[in-house]
N, C-alpha and C. Protein backbone atom coordinates (compact mmCIF):
# COMPACT_ATOMS: atom_id res chain seq x y z
N UNK A 1 18.78 393.46 138.97
CA UNK A 1 20.03 393.92 138.43
C UNK A 1 20.15 393.41 137.00
N UNK A 2 20.45 394.29 136.08
CA UNK A 2 20.53 393.97 134.65
C UNK A 2 21.96 393.65 134.27
N UNK A 3 22.12 392.57 133.45
CA UNK A 3 23.45 392.18 132.98
C UNK A 3 23.57 392.57 131.53
N UNK A 4 24.73 392.99 131.17
CA UNK A 4 24.98 393.37 129.78
C UNK A 4 25.24 392.15 128.92
N UNK A 5 25.50 392.37 127.61
CA UNK A 5 25.76 391.25 126.71
C UNK A 5 26.95 390.39 127.13
N UNK A 6 27.97 391.03 127.69
CA UNK A 6 29.14 390.26 128.13
C UNK A 6 28.79 389.35 129.30
N UNK A 7 27.96 389.83 130.21
CA UNK A 7 27.54 389.03 131.36
C UNK A 7 26.67 387.87 130.94
N UNK A 8 25.77 388.11 129.97
CA UNK A 8 24.90 387.03 129.48
C UNK A 8 25.75 385.98 128.75
N UNK A 9 26.73 386.41 127.97
CA UNK A 9 27.60 385.47 127.25
C UNK A 9 28.41 384.63 128.24
N UNK A 10 28.92 385.28 129.28
CA UNK A 10 29.69 384.55 130.29
C UNK A 10 28.80 383.54 131.00
N UNK A 11 27.56 383.94 131.28
CA UNK A 11 26.62 383.02 131.93
C UNK A 11 26.29 381.83 131.04
N UNK A 12 26.11 382.08 129.75
CA UNK A 12 25.83 381.01 128.80
C UNK A 12 27.01 380.04 128.70
N UNK A 13 28.20 380.61 128.68
CA UNK A 13 29.40 379.76 128.62
C UNK A 13 29.49 378.91 129.87
N UNK A 14 29.18 379.47 131.05
CA UNK A 14 29.22 378.70 132.30
C UNK A 14 28.21 377.55 132.25
N UNK A 15 27.01 377.82 131.75
CA UNK A 15 25.99 376.78 131.68
C UNK A 15 26.45 375.67 130.73
N UNK A 16 26.95 376.06 129.55
CA UNK A 16 27.41 375.06 128.59
C UNK A 16 28.59 374.26 129.15
N UNK A 17 29.49 374.93 129.85
CA UNK A 17 30.66 374.27 130.41
C UNK A 17 30.25 373.21 131.44
N UNK A 18 29.22 373.49 132.21
CA UNK A 18 28.77 372.52 133.21
C UNK A 18 28.03 371.35 132.56
N UNK A 19 27.48 371.54 131.38
CA UNK A 19 26.76 370.46 130.69
C UNK A 19 27.69 369.54 129.91
N UNK A 20 28.91 369.97 129.62
CA UNK A 20 29.82 369.16 128.80
C UNK A 20 30.03 367.76 129.37
N UNK A 21 30.26 367.57 130.68
CA UNK A 21 30.45 366.21 131.17
C UNK A 21 29.21 365.33 131.01
N UNK A 22 28.03 365.93 130.86
CA UNK A 22 26.82 365.14 130.71
C UNK A 22 26.65 364.59 129.30
N UNK A 23 27.38 365.15 128.36
CA UNK A 23 27.28 364.68 126.98
C UNK A 23 28.04 363.36 126.87
N UNK A 24 27.35 362.34 126.43
CA UNK A 24 27.99 361.03 126.31
C UNK A 24 28.90 361.01 125.10
N UNK A 25 30.14 360.63 125.34
CA UNK A 25 31.09 360.49 124.24
C UNK A 25 31.08 359.03 123.82
N UNK A 26 30.73 358.81 122.57
CA UNK A 26 30.66 357.42 122.13
C UNK A 26 32.06 356.90 121.87
N UNK A 27 32.29 355.70 122.34
CA UNK A 27 33.59 355.05 122.16
C UNK A 27 33.56 354.26 120.87
N UNK A 28 34.64 354.36 120.10
CA UNK A 28 34.77 353.59 118.87
C UNK A 28 35.93 352.62 119.06
N UNK A 29 35.61 351.35 118.96
CA UNK A 29 36.59 350.29 119.13
C UNK A 29 36.88 349.68 117.77
N UNK A 30 38.16 349.39 117.52
CA UNK A 30 38.57 348.83 116.25
C UNK A 30 39.56 347.70 116.50
N UNK A 31 39.48 346.64 115.70
CA UNK A 31 40.41 345.52 115.80
C UNK A 31 41.28 345.50 114.54
N UNK A 32 42.54 345.08 114.71
CA UNK A 32 43.45 345.05 113.55
C UNK A 32 43.11 343.92 112.59
N UNK A 33 42.26 342.99 112.98
CA UNK A 33 41.84 341.90 112.10
C UNK A 33 40.53 341.32 112.62
N UNK A 34 39.77 340.72 111.73
CA UNK A 34 38.54 340.04 112.14
C UNK A 34 38.72 338.53 112.17
N UNK A 35 39.78 338.04 111.53
CA UNK A 35 40.12 336.62 111.56
C UNK A 35 41.57 336.49 111.99
N UNK A 36 41.79 335.75 113.07
CA UNK A 36 43.14 335.53 113.58
C UNK A 36 43.48 334.06 113.47
N UNK A 37 44.63 333.75 112.87
CA UNK A 37 45.06 332.36 112.76
C UNK A 37 46.14 332.03 113.79
N UNK A 38 46.50 333.01 114.62
CA UNK A 38 47.51 332.77 115.65
C UNK A 38 47.03 333.10 117.06
N UNK A 39 45.74 333.45 117.21
CA UNK A 39 45.21 333.74 118.53
C UNK A 39 45.60 335.09 119.08
N UNK A 40 45.99 336.01 118.19
CA UNK A 40 46.43 337.34 118.60
C UNK A 40 45.55 338.39 117.91
N UNK A 41 45.12 339.39 118.67
CA UNK A 41 44.36 340.51 118.09
C UNK A 41 44.72 341.78 118.87
N UNK A 42 44.87 342.88 118.13
CA UNK A 42 45.11 344.17 118.77
C UNK A 42 43.86 345.02 118.64
N UNK A 43 43.41 345.53 119.77
CA UNK A 43 42.23 346.40 119.82
C UNK A 43 42.69 347.83 120.04
N UNK A 44 42.12 348.76 119.28
CA UNK A 44 42.54 350.17 119.34
C UNK A 44 41.32 351.06 119.56
N UNK A 45 41.54 352.18 120.22
CA UNK A 45 40.50 353.20 120.41
C UNK A 45 41.17 354.53 120.64
N UNK A 46 40.39 355.58 120.53
CA UNK A 46 40.92 356.93 120.75
C UNK A 46 39.94 357.73 121.58
N UNK A 47 40.26 357.89 122.85
CA UNK A 47 39.43 358.71 123.73
C UNK A 47 40.28 359.71 124.50
N UNK A 48 41.39 360.10 123.91
CA UNK A 48 42.25 361.16 124.45
C UNK A 48 42.63 360.95 125.92
N UNK A 49 43.07 359.75 126.26
CA UNK A 49 43.56 359.49 127.61
C UNK A 49 42.50 359.36 128.67
N UNK A 50 41.24 359.31 128.27
CA UNK A 50 40.17 359.12 129.26
C UNK A 50 40.18 357.66 129.72
N UNK A 51 39.81 357.40 130.96
CA UNK A 51 39.76 356.02 131.44
C UNK A 51 38.64 355.25 130.74
N UNK A 52 38.94 354.00 130.39
CA UNK A 52 37.98 353.17 129.67
C UNK A 52 37.88 351.80 130.32
N UNK A 53 36.81 351.10 129.99
CA UNK A 53 36.63 349.70 130.38
C UNK A 53 36.50 348.89 129.10
N UNK A 54 37.24 347.79 129.01
CA UNK A 54 37.21 346.90 127.86
C UNK A 54 36.69 345.55 128.33
N UNK A 55 35.69 345.02 127.60
CA UNK A 55 35.11 343.74 127.96
C UNK A 55 35.14 342.77 126.79
N UNK A 56 35.12 341.46 127.12
CA UNK A 56 35.05 340.40 126.12
C UNK A 56 33.92 339.46 126.50
N UNK A 57 33.25 338.93 125.47
CA UNK A 57 32.19 337.95 125.70
C UNK A 57 32.19 336.94 124.57
N UNK A 58 31.48 335.85 124.78
CA UNK A 58 31.38 334.81 123.77
C UNK A 58 30.16 335.00 122.87
N UNK A 59 29.31 335.99 123.21
CA UNK A 59 28.13 336.24 122.39
C UNK A 59 27.95 337.75 122.23
N UNK A 60 27.28 338.18 121.14
CA UNK A 60 27.15 339.62 120.88
C UNK A 60 26.25 340.34 121.88
N UNK A 61 25.46 339.60 122.67
CA UNK A 61 24.59 340.24 123.68
C UNK A 61 25.32 340.49 124.99
N UNK A 62 26.54 339.99 125.11
CA UNK A 62 27.36 340.15 126.31
C UNK A 62 26.60 339.67 127.56
N UNK A 63 26.05 338.45 127.48
CA UNK A 63 25.30 337.91 128.61
C UNK A 63 26.22 337.58 129.79
N UNK A 64 27.46 337.22 129.52
CA UNK A 64 28.42 336.92 130.58
C UNK A 64 29.76 337.59 130.25
N UNK A 65 29.83 338.93 130.32
CA UNK A 65 31.06 339.61 129.90
C UNK A 65 32.18 339.43 130.92
N UNK A 66 33.39 339.52 130.40
CA UNK A 66 34.60 339.45 131.24
C UNK A 66 35.36 340.76 131.09
N UNK A 67 35.63 341.43 132.20
CA UNK A 67 36.42 342.65 132.17
C UNK A 67 37.86 342.30 131.83
N UNK A 68 38.41 342.94 130.79
CA UNK A 68 39.78 342.69 130.37
C UNK A 68 40.72 343.80 130.78
N UNK A 69 40.23 345.03 130.77
CA UNK A 69 41.12 346.16 131.01
C UNK A 69 40.33 347.35 131.53
N UNK A 70 40.93 348.09 132.44
CA UNK A 70 40.43 349.39 132.89
C UNK A 70 41.64 350.29 133.02
N UNK A 71 41.61 351.42 132.33
CA UNK A 71 42.73 352.34 132.38
C UNK A 71 42.66 353.37 131.28
N UNK A 72 43.80 354.03 131.04
CA UNK A 72 43.83 355.15 130.09
C UNK A 72 44.62 354.86 128.83
N UNK A 73 45.04 353.61 128.61
CA UNK A 73 45.74 353.28 127.37
C UNK A 73 44.79 353.43 126.18
N UNK A 74 45.36 353.43 124.98
CA UNK A 74 44.54 353.56 123.77
C UNK A 74 44.57 352.29 122.92
N UNK A 75 45.08 351.20 123.47
CA UNK A 75 45.13 349.93 122.74
C UNK A 75 45.33 348.79 123.74
N UNK A 76 44.97 347.59 123.29
CA UNK A 76 45.16 346.40 124.10
C UNK A 76 45.48 345.24 123.16
N UNK A 77 46.54 344.52 123.46
CA UNK A 77 46.94 343.35 122.67
C UNK A 77 46.49 342.11 123.41
N UNK A 78 45.63 341.33 122.79
CA UNK A 78 45.12 340.10 123.39
C UNK A 78 45.81 338.93 122.71
N UNK A 79 46.43 338.05 123.47
CA UNK A 79 47.17 336.92 122.92
C UNK A 79 46.68 335.63 123.55
N UNK A 80 47.03 334.52 122.92
CA UNK A 80 46.70 333.21 123.47
C UNK A 80 45.24 332.83 123.39
N UNK A 81 44.50 333.43 122.46
CA UNK A 81 43.09 333.11 122.34
C UNK A 81 42.91 331.76 121.64
N UNK A 82 42.15 330.85 122.23
CA UNK A 82 41.88 329.58 121.55
C UNK A 82 40.84 329.78 120.44
N UNK A 83 40.62 328.74 119.63
CA UNK A 83 39.64 328.81 118.55
C UNK A 83 38.27 329.23 119.09
N UNK A 84 37.58 330.06 118.31
CA UNK A 84 36.24 330.50 118.69
C UNK A 84 35.98 331.91 118.23
N UNK A 85 34.76 332.38 118.50
CA UNK A 85 34.35 333.75 118.19
C UNK A 85 34.37 334.56 119.47
N UNK A 86 34.91 335.76 119.38
CA UNK A 86 35.01 336.65 120.53
C UNK A 86 34.40 337.99 120.17
N UNK A 87 33.76 338.61 121.16
CA UNK A 87 33.16 339.92 120.98
C UNK A 87 33.76 340.85 122.03
N UNK A 88 34.17 342.03 121.58
CA UNK A 88 34.78 343.02 122.45
C UNK A 88 33.97 344.30 122.41
N UNK A 89 33.93 345.03 123.52
CA UNK A 89 33.28 346.34 123.57
C UNK A 89 34.02 347.23 124.55
N UNK A 90 33.80 348.53 124.40
CA UNK A 90 34.55 349.54 125.15
C UNK A 90 33.59 350.62 125.64
N UNK A 91 33.88 351.17 126.81
CA UNK A 91 33.08 352.29 127.32
C UNK A 91 33.97 353.23 128.12
N UNK A 92 33.75 354.55 127.97
CA UNK A 92 34.47 355.49 128.85
C UNK A 92 33.97 355.33 130.28
N UNK A 93 34.88 355.37 131.24
CA UNK A 93 34.50 355.21 132.64
C UNK A 93 34.10 356.51 133.30
N UNK A 94 34.48 357.64 132.72
CA UNK A 94 34.19 358.92 133.37
C UNK A 94 32.86 359.50 132.94
N UNK A 95 32.06 358.78 132.17
CA UNK A 95 30.73 359.26 131.80
C UNK A 95 29.76 358.96 132.95
N UNK A 96 28.65 359.69 132.99
CA UNK A 96 27.66 359.46 134.04
C UNK A 96 27.09 358.05 133.99
N UNK A 97 26.99 357.53 132.78
CA UNK A 97 26.46 356.19 132.61
C UNK A 97 27.27 355.53 131.51
N UNK A 98 27.54 354.24 131.66
CA UNK A 98 28.38 353.54 130.68
C UNK A 98 27.68 353.51 129.32
N UNK A 99 28.38 353.98 128.31
CA UNK A 99 27.85 353.96 126.94
C UNK A 99 28.78 353.06 126.13
N UNK A 100 28.37 351.82 125.93
CA UNK A 100 29.22 350.84 125.29
C UNK A 100 29.32 351.07 123.80
N UNK A 101 30.48 350.80 123.25
CA UNK A 101 30.70 350.89 121.81
C UNK A 101 29.96 349.74 121.13
N UNK A 102 29.88 349.83 119.82
CA UNK A 102 29.35 348.70 119.05
C UNK A 102 30.31 347.53 119.22
N UNK A 103 29.81 346.32 119.38
CA UNK A 103 30.70 345.17 119.56
C UNK A 103 31.55 344.91 118.32
N UNK A 104 32.77 344.49 118.56
CA UNK A 104 33.69 344.09 117.50
C UNK A 104 33.87 342.58 117.60
N UNK A 105 33.62 341.88 116.49
CA UNK A 105 33.75 340.42 116.49
C UNK A 105 35.10 340.02 115.90
N UNK A 106 35.76 339.08 116.56
CA UNK A 106 37.00 338.51 116.07
C UNK A 106 36.86 336.99 116.14
N UNK A 107 37.14 336.33 115.02
CA UNK A 107 37.12 334.87 114.97
C UNK A 107 38.56 334.37 115.00
N UNK A 108 38.79 333.36 115.83
CA UNK A 108 40.12 332.74 115.91
C UNK A 108 40.02 331.33 115.36
N UNK A 109 40.80 331.06 114.32
CA UNK A 109 40.86 329.73 113.71
C UNK A 109 42.33 329.41 113.46
N UNK A 110 42.90 328.65 114.37
CA UNK A 110 44.31 328.28 114.21
C UNK A 110 44.48 327.35 113.03
N UNK A 111 45.71 327.29 112.53
CA UNK A 111 46.02 326.39 111.42
C UNK A 111 45.74 324.95 111.84
N UNK A 112 45.37 324.13 110.89
CA UNK A 112 45.11 322.72 111.12
C UNK A 112 46.38 322.04 111.63
N UNK A 113 46.25 321.18 112.64
CA UNK A 113 47.42 320.51 113.24
C UNK A 113 48.12 319.60 112.23
N UNK A 114 47.36 318.92 111.37
CA UNK A 114 47.99 318.03 110.38
C UNK A 114 48.84 318.85 109.41
N UNK A 115 48.34 320.00 109.01
CA UNK A 115 49.11 320.87 108.11
C UNK A 115 50.37 321.37 108.80
N UNK A 116 50.23 321.77 110.06
CA UNK A 116 51.39 322.26 110.82
C UNK A 116 52.46 321.19 110.93
N UNK A 117 52.09 319.97 111.30
CA UNK A 117 53.06 318.88 111.43
C UNK A 117 53.63 318.49 110.08
N UNK A 118 52.82 318.58 109.01
CA UNK A 118 53.32 318.29 107.67
C UNK A 118 54.41 319.28 107.26
N UNK A 119 54.16 320.56 107.51
CA UNK A 119 55.17 321.58 107.19
C UNK A 119 56.42 321.42 108.05
N UNK A 120 56.23 321.05 109.31
CA UNK A 120 57.37 320.79 110.18
C UNK A 120 58.20 319.63 109.63
N UNK A 121 57.52 318.58 109.16
CA UNK A 121 58.21 317.42 108.60
C UNK A 121 59.01 317.78 107.36
N UNK A 122 58.44 318.60 106.49
CA UNK A 122 59.17 319.05 105.29
C UNK A 122 60.40 319.84 105.69
N UNK A 123 60.24 320.76 106.64
CA UNK A 123 61.36 321.56 107.11
C UNK A 123 62.45 320.70 107.73
N UNK A 124 62.05 319.71 108.54
CA UNK A 124 63.03 318.81 109.17
C UNK A 124 63.76 317.99 108.12
N UNK A 125 63.06 317.55 107.08
CA UNK A 125 63.68 316.77 106.01
C UNK A 125 64.72 317.61 105.27
N UNK A 126 64.38 318.84 104.93
CA UNK A 126 65.31 319.74 104.25
C UNK A 126 66.53 320.00 105.13
N UNK A 127 66.30 320.24 106.41
CA UNK A 127 67.40 320.50 107.33
C UNK A 127 68.34 319.29 107.42
N UNK A 128 67.77 318.10 107.60
CA UNK A 128 68.61 316.90 107.72
C UNK A 128 69.34 316.59 106.42
N UNK A 129 68.69 316.81 105.26
CA UNK A 129 69.37 316.58 103.98
C UNK A 129 70.54 317.55 103.82
N UNK A 130 70.33 318.80 104.18
CA UNK A 130 71.41 319.80 104.09
C UNK A 130 72.56 319.42 105.03
N UNK A 131 72.23 319.06 106.24
CA UNK A 131 73.25 318.65 107.21
C UNK A 131 74.01 317.41 106.71
N UNK A 132 73.28 316.45 106.12
CA UNK A 132 73.92 315.25 105.58
C UNK A 132 74.88 315.58 104.45
N UNK A 133 74.49 316.48 103.57
CA UNK A 133 75.37 316.88 102.46
C UNK A 133 76.63 317.58 102.97
N UNK A 134 76.45 318.41 103.97
CA UNK A 134 77.61 319.11 104.55
C UNK A 134 78.57 318.10 105.17
N UNK A 135 78.04 317.18 105.95
CA UNK A 135 78.90 316.17 106.58
C UNK A 135 79.54 315.25 105.54
N UNK A 136 78.81 314.86 104.51
CA UNK A 136 79.35 314.01 103.45
C UNK A 136 80.51 314.71 102.74
N UNK A 137 80.32 316.00 102.44
CA UNK A 137 81.38 316.78 101.81
C UNK A 137 82.59 316.92 102.71
N UNK A 138 82.38 317.10 103.99
CA UNK A 138 83.49 317.24 104.94
C UNK A 138 84.27 315.93 105.06
N UNK A 139 83.56 314.80 105.09
CA UNK A 139 84.22 313.50 105.18
C UNK A 139 85.04 313.25 103.90
N UNK A 140 84.50 313.55 102.74
CA UNK A 140 85.21 313.37 101.48
C UNK A 140 86.44 314.25 101.43
N UNK A 141 86.32 315.46 101.93
CA UNK A 141 87.46 316.40 101.91
C UNK A 141 88.57 315.93 102.84
N UNK A 142 88.21 315.41 104.02
CA UNK A 142 89.24 314.95 104.96
C UNK A 142 89.87 313.64 104.50
N UNK A 143 89.14 312.81 103.72
CA UNK A 143 89.73 311.56 103.18
C UNK A 143 90.73 311.85 102.09
N UNK A 144 90.59 312.92 101.32
CA UNK A 144 91.48 313.26 100.23
C UNK A 144 92.80 313.87 100.75
N UNK A 145 92.83 314.27 101.99
CA UNK A 145 94.07 314.86 102.54
C UNK A 145 95.04 313.88 103.00
């Protein structure tokens, strides 16, 4: 039985349509910063609502990865990270085989504790001096009455 051009086109479209899920969609992962001084980093990706897996590791080879997220969101906010280097990667879950994104490195270096306490001390001194001046002025004003 011979098929016309419309039948051949429809057949070609059917074949291509069945091959679409086999095409690996590469995941692109992006971080809002590569150096975090507060232990916070936001990771973003765009896979149009497809389910993804997000992993973190301490080395770029992901020898001991930790699963952080599985779902259809397009971003993840990671907080409370201690000092160190972190590597993140992403893969769509609905592909036939996991195709991981290029790793994204984020370094966390919190502010020095001595600097933090020094700034706290300056702020406390300014606060107490201001409070002392206010109280001194109030006492002088009530004595004049």
